[in-house]
PDB file of all heavy atoms in Angstrom:
ATOM      1  N   ALA A   1     -20.072  -1.640   2.182  1.00  0.00           N
ATOM      2  CA  ALA A   1     -20.689  -1.638   3.506  1.00  0.00           C
ATOM      3  C   ALA A   1     -19.633  -1.339   4.563  1.00  0.00           C
ATOM      4  O   ALA A   1     -18.444  -1.201   4.275  1.00  0.00           O
ATOM      5  CB  ALA A   1     -21.357  -2.991   3.773  1.00  0.00           C
ATOM      6  N   GLY A   2     -20.099  -1.230   5.793  1.00  0.00           N
ATOM      7  CA  GLY A   2     -19.217  -1.000   6.933  1.00  0.00           C
ATOM      8  C   GLY A   2     -19.615  -1.928   8.075  1.00  0.00           C
ATOM      9  O   GLY A   2     -19.873  -3.104   7.870  1.00  0.00           O
ATOM     10  N   HIS A   3     -19.689  -1.380   9.301  1.00  0.00           N
ATOM     11  CA  HIS A   3     -20.246  -2.059  10.474  1.00  0.00           C
ATOM     12  C   HIS A   3     -19.318  -3.107  11.077  1.00  0.00           C
ATOM     13  O   HIS A   3     -19.056  -3.077  12.274  1.00  0.00           O
ATOM     14  CB  HIS A   3     -21.597  -2.669  10.116  1.00  0.00           C
ATOM     15  CG  HIS A   3     -22.474  -2.960  11.304  1.00  0.00           C
ATOM     16  ND1 HIS A   3     -22.747  -2.029  12.268  1.00  0.00           N
ATOM     17  CD2 HIS A   3     -23.137  -4.087  11.667  1.00  0.00           C
ATOM     18  CE1 HIS A   3     -23.555  -2.570  13.174  1.00  0.00           C
ATOM     19  NE2 HIS A   3     -23.803  -3.808  12.829  1.00  0.00           N
ATOM     20  N   LEU A   4     -18.845  -4.054  10.268  1.00  0.00           N
ATOM     21  CA  LEU A   4     -17.915  -5.076  10.753  1.00  0.00           C
ATOM     22  C   LEU A   4     -16.513  -4.480  10.725  1.00  0.00           C
ATOM     23  O   LEU A   4     -15.929  -4.302   9.661  1.00  0.00           O
ATOM     24  CB  LEU A   4     -17.991  -6.325   9.878  1.00  0.00           C
ATOM     25  CG  LEU A   4     -17.026  -7.458  10.245  1.00  0.00           C
ATOM     26  CD1 LEU A   4     -17.356  -8.032  11.611  1.00  0.00           C
ATOM     27  CD2 LEU A   4     -17.060  -8.553   9.185  1.00  0.00           C
ATOM     28  N   HIS A   5     -15.957  -4.179  11.878  1.00  0.00           N
ATOM     29  CA  HIS A   5     -14.718  -3.400  11.937  1.00  0.00           C
ATOM     30  C   HIS A   5     -13.514  -4.119  11.342  1.00  0.00           C
ATOM     31  O   HIS A   5     -12.555  -3.478  10.914  1.00  0.00           O
ATOM     32  CB  HIS A   5     -14.424  -2.990  13.387  1.00  0.00           C
ATOM     33  CG  HIS A   5     -15.394  -1.982  13.909  1.00  0.00           C
ATOM     34  ND1 HIS A   5     -15.196  -1.286  15.081  1.00  0.00           N
ATOM     35  CD2 HIS A   5     -16.590  -1.539  13.418  1.00  0.00           C
ATOM     36  CE1 HIS A   5     -16.209  -0.465  15.298  1.00  0.00           C
ATOM     37  NE2 HIS A   5     -17.080  -0.615  14.305  1.00  0.00           N
ATOM     38  N   ASP A   6     -13.548  -5.440  11.294  1.00  0.00           N
ATOM     39  CA  ASP A   6     -12.437  -6.180  10.690  1.00  0.00           C
ATOM     40  C   ASP A   6     -12.505  -6.194   9.170  1.00  0.00           C
ATOM     41  O   ASP A   6     -11.549  -6.601   8.513  1.00  0.00           O
ATOM     42  CB  ASP A   6     -12.407  -7.627  11.207  1.00  0.00           C
ATOM     43  CG  ASP A   6     -11.971  -7.709  12.660  1.00  0.00           C
ATOM     44  OD1 ASP A   6     -11.324  -6.755  13.133  1.00  0.00           O
ATOM     45  OD2 ASP A   6     -12.275  -8.721  13.315  1.00  0.00           O
ATOM     46  N   GLY A   7     -13.624  -5.793   8.606  1.00  0.00           N
ATOM     47  CA  GLY A   7     -13.787  -5.776   7.158  1.00  0.00           C
ATOM     48  C   GLY A   7     -14.041  -7.150   6.581  1.00  0.00           C
ATOM     49  O   GLY A   7     -13.992  -8.175   7.279  1.00  0.00           O
ATOM     50  N   GLY A   8     -14.342  -7.195   5.295  1.00  0.00           N
ATOM     51  CA  GLY A   8     -14.600  -8.467   4.620  1.00  0.00           C
ATOM     52  C   GLY A   8     -14.776  -8.238   3.129  1.00  0.00           C
ATOM     53  O   GLY A   8     -14.952  -7.106   2.672  1.00  0.00           O
ATOM     54  N   TYR A   9     -14.733  -9.328   2.369  1.00  0.00           N
ATOM     55  CA  TYR A   9     -14.878  -9.223   0.914  1.00  0.00           C
ATOM     56  C   TYR A   9     -15.312 -10.556   0.347  1.00  0.00           C
ATOM     57  O   TYR A   9     -14.891 -11.635   0.807  1.00  0.00           O
ATOM     58  CB  TYR A   9     -13.559  -8.808   0.245  1.00  0.00           C
ATOM     59  CG  TYR A   9     -13.615  -8.950  -1.268  1.00  0.00           C
ATOM     60  CD1 TYR A   9     -14.230  -7.985  -2.045  1.00  0.00           C
ATOM     61  CD2 TYR A   9     -13.101 -10.092  -1.899  1.00  0.00           C
ATOM     62  CE1 TYR A   9     -14.325  -8.127  -3.427  1.00  0.00           C
ATOM     63  CE2 TYR A   9     -13.195 -10.247  -3.270  1.00  0.00           C
ATOM     64  CZ  TYR A   9     -13.814  -9.261  -4.031  1.00  0.00           C
ATOM     65  OH  TYR A   9     -13.925  -9.417  -5.386  1.00  0.00           O
ATOM     66  N   CYS A  10     -16.151 -10.491  -0.686  1.00  0.00           N
ATOM     67  CA  CYS A  10     -16.410 -11.669  -1.517  1.00  0.00           C
ATOM     68  C   CYS A  10     -16.877 -11.221  -2.890  1.00  0.00           C
ATOM     69  O   CYS A  10     -17.391 -10.114  -3.067  1.00  0.00           O
ATOM     70  CB  CYS A  10     -17.441 -12.606  -0.875  1.00  0.00           C
ATOM     71  SG  CYS A  10     -19.161 -12.069  -1.051  1.00  0.00           S
ATOM     72  N   LEU A  11     -16.663 -12.082  -3.865  1.00  0.00           N
ATOM     73  CA  LEU A  11     -17.254 -11.951  -5.197  1.00  0.00           C
ATOM     74  C   LEU A  11     -18.349 -12.990  -5.259  1.00  0.00           C
ATOM     75  O   LEU A  11     -18.074 -14.195  -5.193  1.00  0.00           O
ATOM     76  CB  LEU A  11     -16.198 -12.180  -6.278  1.00  0.00           C
ATOM     77  CG  LEU A  11     -16.679 -12.088  -7.731  1.00  0.00           C
ATOM     78  CD1 LEU A  11     -17.146 -10.680  -8.057  1.00  0.00           C
ATOM     79  CD2 LEU A  11     -15.570 -12.542  -8.687  1.00  0.00           C
ATOM     80  N   ASP A  12     -19.602 -12.556  -5.361  1.00  0.00           N
ATOM     81  CA  ASP A  12     -20.685 -13.528  -5.229  1.00  0.00           C
ATOM     82  C   ASP A  12     -20.952 -14.279  -6.532  1.00  0.00           C
ATOM     83  O   ASP A  12     -20.300 -14.041  -7.561  1.00  0.00           O
ATOM     84  CB  ASP A  12     -21.952 -12.864  -4.658  1.00  0.00           C
ATOM     85  CG  ASP A  12     -22.706 -11.970  -5.642  1.00  0.00           C
ATOM     86  OD1 ASP A  12     -22.524 -12.097  -6.869  1.00  0.00           O
ATOM     87  OD2 ASP A  12     -23.516 -11.139  -5.177  1.00  0.00           O
ATOM     88  N   SER A  13     -21.921 -15.179  -6.490  1.00  0.00           N
ATOM     89  CA  SER A  13     -22.198 -16.074  -7.614  1.00  0.00           C
ATOM     90  C   SER A  13     -22.727 -15.345  -8.847  1.00  0.00           C
ATOM     91  O   SER A  13     -22.753 -15.903  -9.937  1.00  0.00           O
ATOM     92  CB  SER A  13     -23.215 -17.138  -7.177  1.00  0.00           C
ATOM     93  OG  SER A  13     -24.422 -16.526  -6.741  1.00  0.00           O
ATOM     94  N   HIS A  14     -23.153 -14.087  -8.672  1.00  0.00           N
ATOM     95  CA  HIS A  14     -23.657 -13.285  -9.789  1.00  0.00           C
ATOM     96  C   HIS A  14     -22.618 -12.273 -10.277  1.00  0.00           C
ATOM     97  O   HIS A  14     -22.937 -11.392 -11.077  1.00  0.00           O
ATOM     98  CB  HIS A  14     -24.941 -12.558  -9.389  1.00  0.00           C
ATOM     99  CG  HIS A  14     -26.132 -13.461  -9.252  1.00  0.00           C
ATOM    100  ND1 HIS A  14     -26.230 -14.435  -8.271  1.00  0.00           N
ATOM    101  CD2 HIS A  14     -27.278 -13.553  -9.983  1.00  0.00           C
ATOM    102  CE1 HIS A  14     -27.392 -15.061  -8.393  1.00  0.00           C
ATOM    103  NE2 HIS A  14     -28.027 -14.556  -9.428  1.00  0.00           N
ATOM    104  N   GLY A  15     -21.398 -12.386  -9.776  1.00  0.00           N
ATOM    105  CA  GLY A  15     -20.336 -11.492 -10.214  1.00  0.00           C
ATOM    106  C   GLY A  15     -20.343 -10.128  -9.555  1.00  0.00           C
ATOM    107  O   GLY A  15     -19.709  -9.189 -10.047  1.00  0.00           O
ATOM    108  N   VAL A  16     -21.040  -9.990  -8.428  1.00  0.00           N
ATOM    109  CA  VAL A  16     -21.103  -8.721  -7.705  1.00  0.00           C
ATOM    110  C   VAL A  16     -20.041  -8.721  -6.596  1.00  0.00           C
ATOM    111  O   VAL A  16     -19.956  -9.662  -5.808  1.00  0.00           O
ATOM    112  CB  VAL A  16     -22.500  -8.498  -7.086  1.00  0.00           C
ATOM    113  CG1 VAL A  16     -22.540  -7.182  -6.304  1.00  0.00           C
ATOM    114  CG2 VAL A  16     -23.574  -8.515  -8.172  1.00  0.00           C
ATOM    115  N   HIS A  17     -19.249  -7.660  -6.550  1.00  0.00           N
ATOM    116  CA  HIS A  17     -18.263  -7.499  -5.482  1.00  0.00           C
ATOM    117  C   HIS A  17     -18.969  -6.986  -4.223  1.00  0.00           C
ATOM    118  O   HIS A  17     -19.753  -6.031  -4.293  1.00  0.00           O
ATOM    119  CB  HIS A  17     -17.181  -6.491  -5.884  1.00  0.00           C
ATOM    120  CG  HIS A  17     -16.385  -6.902  -7.079  1.00  0.00           C
ATOM    121  ND1 HIS A  17     -15.282  -7.718  -6.992  1.00  0.00           N
ATOM    122  CD2 HIS A  17     -16.525  -6.594  -8.407  1.00  0.00           C
ATOM    123  CE1 HIS A  17     -14.765  -7.892  -8.197  1.00  0.00           C
ATOM    124  NE2 HIS A  17     -15.504  -7.229  -9.078  1.00  0.00           N
ATOM    125  N   HIS A  18     -18.675  -7.595  -3.079  1.00  0.00           N
ATOM    126  CA  HIS A  18     -19.177  -7.128  -1.789  1.00  0.00           C
ATOM    127  C   HIS A  18     -17.974  -6.779  -0.933  1.00  0.00           C
ATOM    128  O   HIS A  18     -17.219  -7.656  -0.508  1.00  0.00           O
ATOM    129  CB  HIS A  18     -20.016  -8.210  -1.108  1.00  0.00           C
ATOM    130  CG  HIS A  18     -21.285  -8.518  -1.833  1.00  0.00           C
ATOM    131  ND1 HIS A  18     -22.508  -7.983  -1.469  1.00  0.00           N
ATOM    132  CD2 HIS A  18     -21.524  -9.315  -2.911  1.00  0.00           C
ATOM    133  CE1 HIS A  18     -23.438  -8.423  -2.294  1.00  0.00           C
ATOM    134  NE2 HIS A  18     -22.872  -9.238  -3.173  1.00  0.00           N
ATOM    135  N   LEU A  19     -17.792  -5.495  -0.682  1.00  0.00           N
ATOM    136  CA  LEU A  19     -16.643  -5.023   0.074  1.00  0.00           C
ATOM    137  C   LEU A  19     -17.118  -4.383   1.368  1.00  0.00           C
ATOM    138  O   LEU A  19     -17.861  -3.392   1.350  1.00  0.00           O
ATOM    139  CB  LEU A  19     -15.845  -4.012  -0.752  1.00  0.00           C
ATOM    140  CG  LEU A  19     -14.640  -3.370  -0.062  1.00  0.00           C
ATOM    141  CD1 LEU A  19     -13.603  -4.419   0.320  1.00  0.00           C
ATOM    142  CD2 LEU A  19     -14.020  -2.304  -0.956  1.00  0.00           C
ATOM    143  N   THR A  20     -16.705  -4.961   2.492  1.00  0.00           N
ATOM    144  CA  THR A  20     -16.985  -4.398   3.804  1.00  0.00           C
ATOM    145  C   THR A  20     -15.713  -3.712   4.286  1.00  0.00           C
ATOM    146  O   THR A  20     -14.697  -4.365   4.502  1.00  0.00           O
ATOM    147  CB  THR A  20     -17.414  -5.495   4.800  1.00  0.00           C
ATOM    148  OG1 THR A  20     -18.538  -6.205   4.263  1.00  0.00           O
ATOM    149  CG2 THR A  20     -17.779  -4.898   6.142  1.00  0.00           C
ATOM    150  N   LEU A  21     -15.776  -2.406   4.403  1.00  0.00           N
ATOM    151  CA  LEU A  21     -14.587  -1.626   4.729  1.00  0.00           C
ATOM    152  C   LEU A  21     -14.244  -1.720   6.214  1.00  0.00           C
ATOM    153  O   LEU A  21     -15.135  -1.727   7.072  1.00  0.00           O
ATOM    154  CB  LEU A  21     -14.802  -0.166   4.339  1.00  0.00           C
ATOM    155  CG  LEU A  21     -14.953   0.067   2.833  1.00  0.00           C
ATOM    156  CD1 LEU A  21     -15.603   1.417   2.566  1.00  0.00           C
ATOM    157  CD2 LEU A  21     -13.605  -0.030   2.141  1.00  0.00           C
ATOM    158  N   GLU A  22     -12.956  -1.778   6.494  1.00  0.00           N
ATOM    159  CA  GLU A  22     -12.493  -1.834   7.883  1.00  0.00           C
ATOM    160  C   GLU A  22     -12.922  -0.580   8.646  1.00  0.00           C
ATOM    161  O   GLU A  22     -13.054   0.502   8.075  1.00  0.00           O
ATOM    162  CB  GLU A  22     -10.961  -1.958   7.919  1.00  0.00           C
ATOM    163  CG  GLU A  22     -10.428  -3.255   7.333  1.00  0.00           C
ATOM    164  CD  GLU A  22     -10.186  -3.221   5.838  1.00  0.00           C
ATOM    165  OE1 GLU A  22     -10.623  -2.234   5.183  1.00  0.00           O
ATOM    166  OE2 GLU A  22      -9.579  -4.158   5.300  1.00  0.00           O
ATOM    167  N   GLY A  23     -13.132  -0.737   9.940  1.00  0.00           N
ATOM    168  CA  GLY A  23     -13.597   0.375  10.766  1.00  0.00           C
ATOM    169  C   GLY A  23     -12.485   1.350  11.100  1.00  0.00           C
ATOM    170  O   GLY A  23     -11.571   1.020  11.847  1.00  0.00           O
ATOM    171  N   VAL A  24     -12.569   2.566  10.572  1.00  0.00           N
ATOM    172  CA  VAL A  24     -11.521   3.554  10.844  1.00  0.00           C
ATOM    173  C   VAL A  24     -11.608   4.077  12.275  1.00  0.00           C
ATOM    174  O   VAL A  24     -10.681   4.723  12.762  1.00  0.00           O
ATOM    175  CB  VAL A  24     -11.580   4.734   9.847  1.00  0.00           C
ATOM    176  CG1 VAL A  24     -11.345   4.245   8.432  1.00  0.00           C
ATOM    177  CG2 VAL A  24     -12.911   5.470   9.929  1.00  0.00           C
ATOM    178  N   ILE A  25     -12.722   3.775  12.957  1.00  0.00           N
ATOM    179  CA  ILE A  25     -12.882   4.225  14.335  1.00  0.00           C
ATOM    180  C   ILE A  25     -11.809   3.626  15.256  1.00  0.00           C
ATOM    181  O   ILE A  25     -11.503   4.170  16.318  1.00  0.00           O
ATOM    182  CB  ILE A  25     -14.301   3.881  14.855  1.00  0.00           C
ATOM    183  CG1 ILE A  25     -14.611   4.637  16.138  1.00  0.00           C
ATOM    184  CG2 ILE A  25     -14.465   2.377  15.056  1.00  0.00           C
ATOM    185  CD1 ILE A  25     -16.035   4.494  16.599  1.00  0.00           C
ATOM    186  N   GLU A  26     -11.225   2.509  14.837  1.00  0.00           N
ATOM    187  CA  GLU A  26     -10.198   1.855  15.651  1.00  0.00           C
ATOM    188  C   GLU A  26      -8.780   2.293  15.284  1.00  0.00           C
ATOM    189  O   GLU A  26      -7.803   1.738  15.769  1.00  0.00           O
ATOM    190  CB  GLU A  26     -10.336   0.338  15.532  1.00  0.00           C
ATOM    191  CG  GLU A  26     -11.658  -0.164  16.094  1.00  0.00           C
ATOM    192  CD  GLU A  26     -11.785  -1.669  16.034  1.00  0.00           C
ATOM    193  OE1 GLU A  26     -10.783  -2.332  15.747  1.00  0.00           O
ATOM    194  OE2 GLU A  26     -12.893  -2.167  16.274  1.00  0.00           O
ATOM    195  N   THR A  27      -8.655   3.298  14.432  1.00  0.00           N
ATOM    196  CA  THR A  27      -7.343   3.820  14.069  1.00  0.00           C
ATOM    197  C   THR A  27      -6.751   4.597  15.245  1.00  0.00           C
ATOM    198  O   THR A  27      -7.438   5.432  15.838  1.00  0.00           O
ATOM    199  CB  THR A  27      -7.466   4.759  12.859  1.00  0.00           C
ATOM    200  OG1 THR A  27      -8.072   4.041  11.781  1.00  0.00           O
ATOM    201  CG2 THR A  27      -6.109   5.271  12.417  1.00  0.00           C
ATOM    202  N   PRO A  28      -5.500   4.348  15.610  1.00  0.00           N
ATOM    203  CA  PRO A  28      -4.877   5.095  16.714  1.00  0.00           C
ATOM    204  C   PRO A  28      -4.892   6.597  16.448  1.00  0.00           C
ATOM    205  O   PRO A  28      -4.784   7.033  15.303  1.00  0.00           O
ATOM    206  CB  PRO A  28      -3.442   4.541  16.747  1.00  0.00           C
ATOM    207  CG  PRO A  28      -3.534   3.193  16.108  1.00  0.00           C
ATOM    208  CD  PRO A  28      -4.604   3.306  15.076  1.00  0.00           C
ATOM    209  N   PRO A  29      -5.038   7.416  17.495  1.00  0.00           N
ATOM    210  CA  PRO A  29      -5.169   8.864  17.313  1.00  0.00           C
ATOM    211  C   PRO A  29      -4.014   9.509  16.562  1.00  0.00           C
ATOM    212  O   PRO A  29      -4.208  10.489  15.842  1.00  0.00           O
ATOM    213  CB  PRO A  29      -5.238   9.391  18.752  1.00  0.00           C
ATOM    214  CG  PRO A  29      -5.717   8.238  19.557  1.00  0.00           C
ATOM    215  CD  PRO A  29      -5.175   7.012  18.893  1.00  0.00           C
ATOM    216  N   GLU A  30      -2.805   8.969  16.700  1.00  0.00           N
ATOM    217  CA  GLU A  30      -1.660   9.610  16.073  1.00  0.00           C
ATOM    218  C   GLU A  30      -1.467   9.199  14.616  1.00  0.00           C
ATOM    219  O   GLU A  30      -0.528   9.658  13.955  1.00  0.00           O
ATOM    220  CB  GLU A  30      -0.374   9.296  16.860  1.00  0.00           C
ATOM    221  CG  GLU A  30       0.056   7.842  16.829  1.00  0.00           C
ATOM    222  CD  GLU A  30      -0.657   6.959  17.840  1.00  0.00           C
ATOM    223  OE1 GLU A  30      -1.578   7.474  18.520  1.00  0.00           O
ATOM    224  OE2 GLU A  30      -0.311   5.758  17.935  1.00  0.00           O
ATOM    225  N   SER A  31      -2.338   8.331  14.100  1.00  0.00           N
ATOM    226  CA  SER A  31      -2.206   7.866  12.713  1.00  0.00           C
ATOM    227  C   SER A  31      -3.406   8.327  11.892  1.00  0.00           C
ATOM    228  O   SER A  31      -4.190   9.156  12.335  1.00  0.00           O
ATOM    229  CB  SER A  31      -2.064   6.343  12.674  1.00  0.00           C
ATOM    230  OG  SER A  31      -3.233   5.733  13.187  1.00  0.00           O
ATOM    231  N   ASN A  32      -3.538   7.780  10.693  1.00  0.00           N
ATOM    232  CA  ASN A  32      -4.581   8.222   9.783  1.00  0.00           C
ATOM    233  C   ASN A  32      -5.121   7.011   9.029  1.00  0.00           C
ATOM    234  O   ASN A  32      -4.387   6.052   8.796  1.00  0.00           O
ATOM    235  CB  ASN A  32      -4.006   9.256   8.799  1.00  0.00           C
ATOM    236  CG  ASN A  32      -5.085  10.100   8.158  1.00  0.00           C
ATOM    237  OD1 ASN A  32      -6.269   9.903   8.402  1.00  0.00           O
ATOM    238  ND2 ASN A  32      -4.686  11.048   7.333  1.00  0.00           N
ATOM    239  N   ALA A  33      -6.384   7.049   8.645  1.00  0.00           N
ATOM    240  CA  ALA A  33      -6.967   5.957   7.860  1.00  0.00           C
ATOM    241  C   ALA A  33      -8.051   6.519   6.968  1.00  0.00           C
ATOM    242  O   ALA A  33      -8.919   7.267   7.415  1.00  0.00           O
ATOM    243  CB  ALA A  33      -7.535   4.873   8.765  1.00  0.00           C
ATOM    244  N   PHE A  34      -7.982   6.182   5.703  1.00  0.00           N
ATOM    245  CA  PHE A  34      -9.024   6.571   4.759  1.00  0.00           C
ATOM    246  C   PHE A  34      -8.851   5.738   3.497  1.00  0.00           C
ATOM    247  O   PHE A  34      -7.846   5.050   3.311  1.00  0.00           O
ATOM    248  CB  PHE A  34      -8.969   8.068   4.424  1.00  0.00           C
ATOM    249  CG  PHE A  34      -7.699   8.511   3.753  1.00  0.00           C
ATOM    250  CD1 PHE A  34      -7.587   8.470   2.371  1.00  0.00           C
ATOM    251  CD2 PHE A  34      -6.627   8.972   4.503  1.00  0.00           C
ATOM    252  CE1 PHE A  34      -6.422   8.879   1.739  1.00  0.00           C
ATOM    253  CE2 PHE A  34      -5.454   9.388   3.888  1.00  0.00           C
ATOM    254  CZ  PHE A  34      -5.347   9.342   2.505  1.00  0.00           C
ATOM    255  N   GLY A  35      -9.838   5.782   2.641  1.00  0.00           N
ATOM    256  CA  GLY A  35      -9.744   5.090   1.357  1.00  0.00           C
ATOM    257  C   GLY A  35     -10.290   5.961   0.248  1.00  0.00           C
ATOM    258  O   GLY A  35     -11.194   6.765   0.466  1.00  0.00           O
ATOM    259  N   THR A  36      -9.724   5.827  -0.933  1.00  0.00           N
ATOM    260  CA  THR A  36     -10.212   6.516  -2.122  1.00  0.00           C
ATOM    261  C   THR A  36     -10.521   5.475  -3.187  1.00  0.00           C
ATOM    262  O   THR A  36      -9.682   4.611  -3.468  1.00  0.00           O
ATOM    263  CB  THR A  36      -9.157   7.497  -2.665  1.00  0.00           C
ATOM    264  OG1 THR A  36      -8.803   8.431  -1.637  1.00  0.00           O
ATOM    265  CG2 THR A  36      -9.699   8.255  -3.877  1.00  0.00           C
ATOM    266  N   ILE A  37     -11.718   5.536  -3.753  1.00  0.00           N
ATOM    267  CA  ILE A  37     -12.104   4.597  -4.803  1.00  0.00           C
ATOM    268  C   ILE A  37     -12.047   5.308  -6.155  1.00  0.00           C
ATOM    269  O   ILE A  37     -12.652   6.368  -6.343  1.00  0.00           O
ATOM    270  CB  ILE A  37     -13.498   4.016  -4.567  1.00  0.00           C
ATOM    271  CG1 ILE A  37     -13.480   3.086  -3.345  1.00  0.00           C
ATOM    272  CG2 ILE A  37     -13.991   3.244  -5.784  1.00  0.00           C
ATOM    273  CD1 ILE A  37     -14.788   2.404  -3.064  1.00  0.00           C
ATOM    274  N   TYR A  38     -11.300   4.715  -7.073  1.00  0.00           N
ATOM    275  CA  TYR A  38     -11.182   5.222  -8.438  1.00  0.00           C
ATOM    276  C   TYR A  38     -12.087   4.362  -9.323  1.00  0.00           C
ATOM    277  O   TYR A  38     -11.998   3.132  -9.291  1.00  0.00           O
ATOM    278  CB  TYR A  38      -9.733   5.160  -8.905  1.00  0.00           C
ATOM    279  CG  TYR A  38      -8.809   6.023  -8.064  1.00  0.00           C
ATOM    280  CD1 TYR A  38      -8.208   5.508  -6.914  1.00  0.00           C
ATOM    281  CD2 TYR A  38      -8.554   7.350  -8.410  1.00  0.00           C
ATOM    282  CE1 TYR A  38      -7.375   6.303  -6.127  1.00  0.00           C
ATOM    283  CE2 TYR A  38      -7.726   8.146  -7.636  1.00  0.00           C
ATOM    284  CZ  TYR A  38      -7.139   7.621  -6.494  1.00  0.00           C
ATOM    285  OH  TYR A  38      -6.317   8.404  -5.718  1.00  0.00           O
TER     286      TYR A  38
END
């Protein structure tokens, strides 16, 4: 998921990972932000 710019994570009671990705919209213009999932 996204939306929450600070991000978040939990492993729930059923063993499902919930990953809220940090908001790249707040990345300074002179830098870069991205993620790759393998």
